[in-house]
Structures are given as C-alpha cells and as structure tokens.
Amino acid sequence: MSIRLTTFMVCLTLASAAVAEKFTNADFNSAYRSYQRLMEAQRYEDAEASARDAAVIGAQLFGPRDPRTAALTYNHGELQRVNGHHAAALVTLGLALKRYQAAMGEDALDLVDPLMALGEVRIVQGSTDTSHFDRAIALARRHGELELMAGLSASAGGLLARAGLAAAAIPYLGTAVETMQSLPGDQPLLRPTRVLLYQSALTTGAANAQALCAALGTEGPWHPGDDATLLYRTAVLYPDSARERGVEGYVTLEFSIAPDCSARDIEVVDSAGSLSFHRAAKLALREWRFAPEIRNGTLTPSVRVRTRVNFDADALR
C-alpha cells in the first residue's frame, strides 16, 4: 500500500509540473504553423493534434477570455467535428462557445460559427434539438445580416433534411427562401434551397407541395427531347432476373411534365440490356418529380422531355 501511495504522489507531482509548464511565443508559432500547413495539405486528422496544441498553448499565453483563445478552441472543435469525433467535438465546441461569450459577449455575431457547429453535431448524434440553430439565426437577424440569416437557415434546413427530419427542416428552408427572395441581386442558393424545400414538403405530404413545385418551374419554351430537370427521386428497383445474371443497361424515357411535377405519358425511346428494365424504369419515373415548364409566367403542360435511367454495376453491389 505504501509503495502504491508513493507512486501516486510521484505521478501527481509530475502531472502538476507538466500543468505548470510555461509555453513561449515560439511554442505557439510552431504549433499554429503546423496546423496551417496540415490544413493546406488537407491532412485533417493530423491537423487536429496541432490545433489542440495551439489551443492549449494559446489559452496559457493569451488567457481564457481572449478572443484568440476562443478562435483557437473553435478550430480544434471544428476539426474534431470534421473528423467524426463527435463526442469530443461537443465538449470542445461547447468550451469555444463559452470562451466566445466571455470574450465578446452574449450577443456577438462571432458566436454563430460555434453555435451552428454544435447544432450539427447534436443532429448527427441523433438529437432533434435545434436550439443552437435558432440562436445563431436570431443573432444574424438582430445584427441585420439578412444574407447570413438566409444562409444559416438554408444550412440548418439542409442538415435536418439529410438527417431524415424533413418536417423539422421545412420552417428553416421556408425562412431561407423567403429571406433570399427579399434580398437584392442574384441569389445562387435560392433554387437549390427551393428544391430541398419542395423535396421535404413532398416527403411529409405537405399541402403546399404543388405550389412549391410551381415555384421551381423553368422558363421555356423548351425544345422537344431536352433533358428534364430532376427535383426528387426514389430508388430504382433492379429486376431480380437481371441482377442474378449480372445484366447491365439503361432505359431512356420520354414524357411530359404535369403541373404537379409528375411525369405523364411515359414512353421508352431507347434502351439496352434486359427488357425487364423497361417496367422498372417506368415504375420509378412515376415516383420522381421534375421542374415543370413556365411560359410567360404561366405554368403549362410541358413539351416532351427525356431522362435516362441506368442499371449498372454500382446498383448490383
């Protein structure tokens, strides 16, 4: 017992000495430059250790309430998130948020990044808590940063939709679309956000799905035979007979697009492989949705357009 106690006391003394180690500016510069080099080389796993070192050294040199310490802590937590170390990221990003609040105040726009990162980690871990997203978006609104607000709303909605939380995604995507429409100039994120909003509405059976479809209409007139713009798709069922024999191929389908974005009057115009692909492709197409045609601001039945359904080795795996 006395030997174990002595060993413990020696270890405790060594640990205290390590904690008390004084770092220098040279130590920080070395760690931070290593972090930068590894980030530039996209070696994110290796960069995580350098980010941790820079954060630890920076906290001692600058103090826990310094904005630089908050930023360094966030860098470390963000790399943990990117590398899939979610439990550790939750702790580090939580610390980064506290340090930003201590350094910048509860209402600082600098809190947006750690809030959004924390929100993403929570969703990835299976939580449905969106409070971090809400707080980040509210900060952008209070600061009058409408473009940022739109981007944050679109990002939150996209994360929720990809996590299978379509109903939760809809309000965020709707806010993003509404805000983008109010902004001057071209908004490149508007159309993809509208598509995601429509997909989420379709998934949940929302009553406004058709109106959202109409908003995605493409200005025409189109030319017969053009490729259709796909908005929503389900998996194609690979025919068992073809799968067992390892048969690959494709089917090119021609159809018109109804005002509700569905495909109508479907015909096979070209194919290769098994004839069983024809039925499988048609069945899939009936579940898919496409951008309808708008002429002079009016939604109209589309000219005949095409899409190709592939049955290849990737689907056989």
Protein backbone atom coordinates (compact mmCIF):
# COMPACT_ATOMS: atom_id res chain seq x y z
CA MET A 1 0.00 0.00 0.00
CA SER A 2 2.79 2.44 0.88
CA ILE A 3 4.52 1.77 -2.46
CA ARG A 4 1.32 2.48 -4.41
CA LEU A 5 0.77 5.68 -2.42
CA THR A 6 4.33 6.81 -3.06
CA THR A 7 3.98 6.09 -6.77
CA PHE A 8 0.72 8.06 -6.84
CA MET A 9 2.34 11.03 -5.12
CA VAL A 10 5.26 11.00 -7.57
CA CYS A 11 2.84 10.87 -10.54
CA LEU A 12 0.80 13.70 -9.04
CA THR A 13 3.94 15.80 -8.62
CA LEU A 14 4.97 15.16 -12.24
CA ALA A 15 1.49 15.99 -13.50
CA SER A 16 1.46 19.25 -11.56
CA ALA A 17 4.83 20.15 -13.04
CA ALA A 18 3.51 19.44 -16.55
CA VAL A 19 0.48 21.66 -15.99
CA ALA A 20 2.70 24.39 -14.69
CA GLU A 21 4.91 24.28 -17.79
CA LYS A 22 5.38 27.72 -19.27
CA PHE A 23 4.93 27.98 -23.00
CA THR A 24 6.56 30.61 -25.16
CA ASN A 25 5.52 32.51 -28.26
CA ALA A 26 7.88 30.25 -30.20
CA ASP A 27 5.95 27.20 -28.97
CA PHE A 28 2.69 28.73 -30.11
CA ASN A 29 4.05 29.77 -33.51
CA SER A 30 5.39 26.26 -34.09
CA ALA A 31 2.06 24.62 -33.23
CA TYR A 32 -0.02 27.07 -35.21
CA ARG A 33 2.19 26.91 -38.30
CA SER A 34 1.99 23.12 -38.17
CA TYR A 35 -1.80 23.41 -38.02
CA GLN A 36 -1.84 25.75 -41.04
CA ARG A 37 0.46 23.51 -43.10
CA LEU A 38 -1.60 20.42 -42.39
CA MET A 39 -4.85 22.23 -43.19
CA GLU A 40 -3.45 23.42 -46.51
CA ALA A 41 -2.45 19.82 -47.27
CA GLN A 42 -5.99 18.69 -46.24
CA ARG A 43 -4.49 16.33 -43.65
CA TYR A 44 -7.31 16.95 -41.22
CA GLU A 45 -6.66 14.05 -38.86
CA ASP A 46 -3.06 15.20 -38.34
CA ALA A 47 -4.14 18.85 -38.15
CA GLU A 48 -6.43 18.05 -35.23
CA ALA A 49 -3.47 17.39 -32.89
CA SER A 50 -1.75 20.61 -33.95
CA ALA A 51 -4.99 22.54 -33.46
CA ARG A 52 -5.27 21.10 -29.97
CA ASP A 53 -1.68 22.11 -29.15
CA ALA A 54 -2.22 25.63 -30.48
CA ALA A 55 -5.39 25.97 -28.40
CA VAL A 56 -3.74 24.76 -25.20
CA ILE A 57 -0.69 26.97 -25.65
CA GLY A 58 -2.80 29.93 -26.74
CA ALA A 59 -5.03 29.62 -23.66
CA GLN A 60 -1.96 29.95 -21.44
CA LEU A 61 -0.36 32.77 -23.39
CA PHE A 62 -3.47 34.86 -24.13
CA GLY A 63 -5.76 33.86 -21.27
CA PRO A 64 -9.16 32.10 -21.37
CA ARG A 65 -11.16 35.29 -22.03
CA ASP A 66 -9.16 36.40 -25.07
CA PRO A 67 -10.91 36.21 -28.49
CA ARG A 68 -7.84 34.48 -29.92
CA THR A 69 -8.21 31.67 -27.39
CA ALA A 70 -11.87 31.28 -28.35
CA ALA A 71 -10.97 31.09 -32.05
CA LEU A 72 -8.22 28.53 -31.42
CA THR A 73 -10.59 26.39 -29.36
CA TYR A 74 -13.18 26.57 -32.12
CA ASN A 75 -10.57 25.47 -34.70
CA HIS A 76 -9.84 22.41 -32.59
CA GLY A 77 -13.52 21.55 -32.09
CA GLU A 78 -14.33 22.07 -35.76
CA LEU A 79 -11.63 19.60 -36.77
CA GLN A 80 -12.96 17.09 -34.27
CA ARG A 81 -16.37 17.50 -35.91
CA VAL A 82 -14.98 17.15 -39.44
CA ASN A 83 -13.03 14.05 -38.43
CA GLY A 84 -16.13 12.43 -36.96
CA HIS A 85 -15.01 12.66 -33.32
CA HIS A 86 -18.44 13.92 -32.32
CA ALA A 87 -18.40 13.30 -28.57
CA ALA A 88 -15.10 15.17 -28.21
CA ALA A 89 -16.29 17.90 -30.59
CA LEU A 90 -19.37 18.52 -28.46
CA VAL A 91 -17.16 19.25 -25.45
CA THR A 92 -14.60 21.37 -27.29
CA LEU A 93 -17.16 23.38 -29.24
CA GLY A 94 -19.10 23.96 -26.03
CA LEU A 95 -15.93 25.35 -24.48
CA ALA A 96 -15.32 27.50 -27.56
CA LEU A 97 -18.83 28.95 -27.26
CA LYS A 98 -18.26 29.80 -23.57
CA ARG A 99 -14.96 31.46 -24.41
CA TYR A 100 -16.50 33.50 -27.22
CA GLN A 101 -19.26 34.62 -24.86
CA ALA A 102 -16.73 35.59 -22.19
CA ALA A 103 -14.57 37.47 -24.69
CA MET A 104 -17.19 39.03 -26.97
CA GLY A 105 -20.49 39.00 -25.09
CA GLU A 106 -23.72 37.01 -25.39
CA ASP A 107 -24.91 38.96 -28.45
CA ALA A 108 -21.76 38.82 -30.56
CA LEU A 109 -22.04 37.67 -34.16
CA ASP A 110 -18.85 35.65 -33.59
CA LEU A 111 -20.98 33.11 -31.73
CA VAL A 112 -22.64 31.99 -34.97
CA ASP A 113 -19.95 29.52 -36.08
CA PRO A 114 -19.68 27.54 -32.82
CA LEU A 115 -23.47 27.56 -32.46
CA MET A 116 -24.00 26.12 -35.94
CA ALA A 117 -21.24 23.54 -35.43
CA LEU A 118 -22.74 22.48 -32.10
CA GLY A 119 -26.15 22.20 -33.71
CA GLU A 120 -24.78 19.98 -36.46
CA VAL A 121 -23.01 17.67 -34.02
CA ARG A 122 -26.18 17.30 -31.97
CA ILE A 123 -28.20 16.35 -35.05
CA VAL A 124 -25.55 13.88 -36.24
CA GLN A 125 -25.65 12.26 -32.80
CA GLY A 126 -29.38 11.67 -33.18
CA SER A 127 -30.77 14.64 -31.26
CA THR A 128 -33.71 16.68 -32.52
CA ASP A 129 -32.68 19.76 -30.52
CA THR A 130 -32.41 22.74 -32.88
CA SER A 131 -31.88 25.43 -30.24
CA HIS A 132 -28.32 26.15 -31.36
CA PHE A 133 -29.52 26.80 -34.92
CA ASP A 134 -32.30 29.03 -33.62
CA ARG A 135 -29.91 31.12 -31.57
CA ALA A 136 -27.45 31.54 -34.46
CA ILE A 137 -30.21 32.62 -36.85
CA ALA A 138 -31.63 35.02 -34.26
CA LEU A 139 -28.20 36.62 -33.84
CA ALA A 140 -27.91 37.19 -37.59
CA ARG A 141 -31.40 38.73 -37.63
CA ARG A 142 -30.66 41.06 -34.71
CA HIS A 143 -27.49 42.26 -36.39
CA GLY A 144 -29.39 42.93 -39.63
CA GLU A 145 -27.30 40.36 -41.51
CA LEU A 146 -30.12 39.06 -43.71
CA GLU A 147 -27.89 37.29 -46.22
CA LEU A 148 -26.14 35.48 -43.38
CA MET A 149 -29.51 34.67 -41.84
CA ALA A 150 -30.68 33.14 -45.12
CA GLY A 151 -27.52 31.06 -45.41
CA LEU A 152 -27.75 29.81 -41.83
CA SER A 153 -31.42 28.90 -42.28
CA ALA A 154 -30.64 27.01 -45.51
CA SER A 155 -27.74 25.21 -43.82
CA ALA A 156 -29.84 24.18 -40.82
CA GLY A 157 -32.68 23.03 -43.06
CA GLY A 158 -30.32 21.03 -45.24
CA LEU A 159 -28.75 19.28 -42.24
CA LEU A 160 -32.16 18.39 -40.85
CA ALA A 161 -33.43 17.15 -44.22
CA ARG A 162 -30.35 14.94 -44.72
CA ALA A 163 -30.86 13.55 -41.22
CA GLY A 164 -34.37 12.43 -42.19
CA LEU A 165 -36.06 15.22 -40.22
CA ALA A 166 -37.99 16.69 -43.15
CA ALA A 167 -40.79 18.16 -41.03
CA ALA A 168 -38.26 19.99 -38.85
CA ALA A 169 -36.37 21.17 -41.95
CA ILE A 170 -39.35 22.86 -43.62
CA PRO A 171 -39.56 26.01 -41.40
CA TYR A 172 -35.83 26.69 -41.81
CA LEU A 173 -35.90 26.18 -45.57
CA GLY A 174 -39.03 28.32 -45.84
CA THR A 175 -37.32 31.14 -43.91
CA ALA A 176 -34.27 30.83 -46.15
CA VAL A 177 -36.33 31.06 -49.34
CA GLU A 178 -38.39 33.98 -48.08
CA THR A 179 -35.30 35.89 -46.96
CA MET A 180 -33.37 35.22 -50.18
CA GLN A 181 -36.31 36.49 -52.23
CA SER A 182 -36.20 39.77 -50.29
CA LEU A 183 -32.50 40.33 -50.99
CA PRO A 184 -31.25 42.32 -53.99
CA GLY A 185 -29.21 40.73 -56.76
CA ASP A 186 -28.72 37.14 -57.78
CA GLN A 187 -29.05 34.55 -55.01
CA PRO A 188 -27.34 31.34 -56.18
CA LEU A 189 -28.60 29.37 -53.19
CA LEU A 190 -32.25 30.21 -53.85
CA ARG A 191 -33.01 27.47 -56.37
CA PRO A 192 -31.26 24.59 -54.53
CA THR A 193 -32.96 25.69 -51.31
CA ARG A 194 -36.32 25.73 -53.08
CA VAL A 195 -35.63 22.23 -54.41
CA LEU A 196 -34.83 20.98 -50.92
CA LEU A 197 -37.94 22.67 -49.53
CA TYR A 198 -40.06 21.00 -52.20
CA GLN A 199 -38.46 17.60 -51.51
CA SER A 200 -39.14 17.97 -47.78
CA ALA A 201 -42.74 19.04 -48.42
CA LEU A 202 -43.24 16.07 -50.75
CA THR A 203 -41.75 13.68 -48.20
CA THR A 204 -44.08 14.89 -45.45
CA GLY A 205 -47.15 15.17 -47.68
CA ALA A 206 -47.44 18.90 -47.07
CA ALA A 207 -50.44 20.57 -48.71
CA ASN A 208 -48.32 23.25 -50.38
CA ALA A 209 -46.07 20.79 -52.26
CA GLN A 210 -47.69 21.57 -55.63
CA ALA A 211 -47.32 25.33 -55.12
CA LEU A 212 -43.66 24.80 -54.27
CA CYS A 213 -43.33 22.71 -57.43
CA ALA A 214 -44.77 25.56 -59.50
CA ALA A 215 -42.21 27.94 -57.99
CA LEU A 216 -39.49 25.68 -59.42
CA GLY A 217 -40.82 25.90 -62.96
CA THR A 218 -38.22 26.54 -65.62
CA GLU A 219 -38.74 29.34 -68.12
CA GLY A 220 -39.40 27.96 -71.59
CA PRO A 221 -40.27 27.21 -74.18
CA TRP A 222 -38.24 24.04 -74.07
CA HIS A 223 -37.13 22.09 -77.09
CA PRO A 224 -38.51 18.58 -77.61
CA GLY A 225 -36.08 15.94 -76.40
CA ASP A 226 -34.34 18.19 -73.85
CA ASP A 227 -33.26 16.55 -70.60
CA ALA A 228 -35.75 17.14 -67.80
CA THR A 229 -34.64 18.85 -64.56
CA LEU A 230 -34.98 16.26 -61.80
CA LEU A 231 -36.23 17.57 -58.44
CA TYR A 232 -36.94 14.41 -56.48
CA ARG A 233 -36.17 10.75 -56.99
CA THR A 234 -36.65 7.42 -55.27
CA ALA A 235 -34.51 4.33 -55.68
CA VAL A 236 -34.89 2.27 -58.85
CA LEU A 237 -35.78 -1.37 -58.25
CA TYR A 238 -33.26 -3.55 -60.11
CA PRO A 239 -35.14 -6.52 -61.63
CA ASP A 240 -34.13 -9.76 -59.88
CA SER A 241 -33.73 -11.68 -63.13
CA ALA A 242 -31.25 -9.13 -64.49
CA ARG A 243 -29.44 -8.80 -61.16
CA GLU A 244 -28.89 -12.54 -60.85
CA ARG A 245 -27.42 -12.70 -64.36
CA GLY A 246 -25.33 -9.55 -63.87
CA VAL A 247 -27.04 -7.79 -66.78
CA GLU A 248 -26.43 -4.04 -67.07
CA GLY A 249 -28.07 -1.46 -69.29
CA TYR A 250 -30.18 1.66 -69.43
CA VAL A 251 -33.56 2.99 -70.44
CA THR A 252 -34.20 6.41 -71.99
CA LEU A 253 -37.72 7.62 -71.34
CA GLU A 254 -39.67 10.42 -72.98
CA PHE A 255 -42.58 12.07 -71.18
CA SER A 256 -44.39 15.30 -70.41
CA ILE A 257 -44.39 17.04 -67.02
CA ALA A 258 -47.68 17.76 -65.29
CA PRO A 259 -48.29 20.89 -63.18
CA ASP A 260 -47.75 18.78 -60.04
CA CYS A 261 -44.22 17.95 -61.29
CA SER A 262 -45.02 14.30 -62.03
CA ALA A 263 -44.19 12.52 -65.28
CA ARG A 264 -47.05 11.69 -67.63
CA ASP A 265 -47.48 9.78 -70.90
CA ILE A 266 -44.23 7.89 -70.38
CA GLU A 267 -42.68 6.11 -73.38
CA VAL A 268 -39.45 4.17 -73.88
CA VAL A 269 -37.41 5.66 -76.73
CA ASP A 270 -34.13 3.79 -76.30
CA SER A 271 -32.74 1.01 -74.12
CA ALA A 272 -30.02 -1.59 -73.71
CA GLY A 273 -29.79 -4.71 -71.60
CA SER A 274 -32.85 -6.52 -70.32
CA LEU A 275 -36.45 -5.81 -71.36
CA SER A 276 -37.29 -6.04 -67.66
CA PHE A 277 -35.56 -2.65 -67.29
CA HIS A 278 -38.46 -1.00 -69.15
CA ARG A 279 -41.04 -1.70 -66.46
CA ALA A 280 -38.63 -0.93 -63.61
CA ALA A 281 -37.71 2.42 -65.15
CA LYS A 282 -41.35 3.39 -65.74
CA LEU A 283 -42.31 2.46 -62.18
CA ALA A 284 -39.51 4.58 -60.80
CA LEU A 285 -40.32 7.53 -63.04
CA ARG A 286 -43.89 7.66 -61.75
CA GLU A 287 -42.48 8.46 -58.29
CA TRP A 288 -39.97 11.05 -59.48
CA ARG A 289 -40.67 14.76 -59.80
CA PHE A 290 -39.38 17.24 -62.39
CA ALA A 291 -39.37 21.01 -62.86
CA PRO A 292 -42.41 21.99 -64.94
CA GLU A 293 -42.35 24.49 -67.78
CA ILE A 294 -43.40 28.11 -67.40
CA ARG A 295 -44.33 30.21 -70.42
CA ASN A 296 -44.87 33.94 -69.94
CA GLY A 297 -45.20 33.42 -66.21
CA THR A 298 -47.82 30.67 -66.57
CA LEU A 299 -47.37 27.03 -65.67
CA THR A 300 -48.15 24.92 -68.74
CA PRO A 301 -48.05 21.28 -69.77
CA SER A 302 -44.51 20.58 -70.86
CA VAL A 303 -43.22 19.62 -74.27
CA ARG A 304 -41.87 16.07 -74.41
CA VAL A 305 -38.64 15.79 -72.44
CA ARG A 306 -36.31 12.92 -71.64
CA THR A 307 -34.40 11.29 -68.85
CA ARG A 308 -32.15 8.25 -68.70
CA VAL A 309 -32.31 5.53 -66.02
CA ASN A 310 -29.13 3.49 -65.69
CA PHE A 311 -28.86 -0.09 -64.47
CA ASP A 312 -25.16 -0.65 -63.86
CA ALA A 313 -22.59 -2.43 -61.74
CA ASP A 314 -22.90 0.10 -58.91
CA ALA A 315 -26.52 -0.91 -58.42
CA LEU A 316 -25.54 -4.60 -58.42
CA ARG A 317 -23.29 -4.28 -55.36
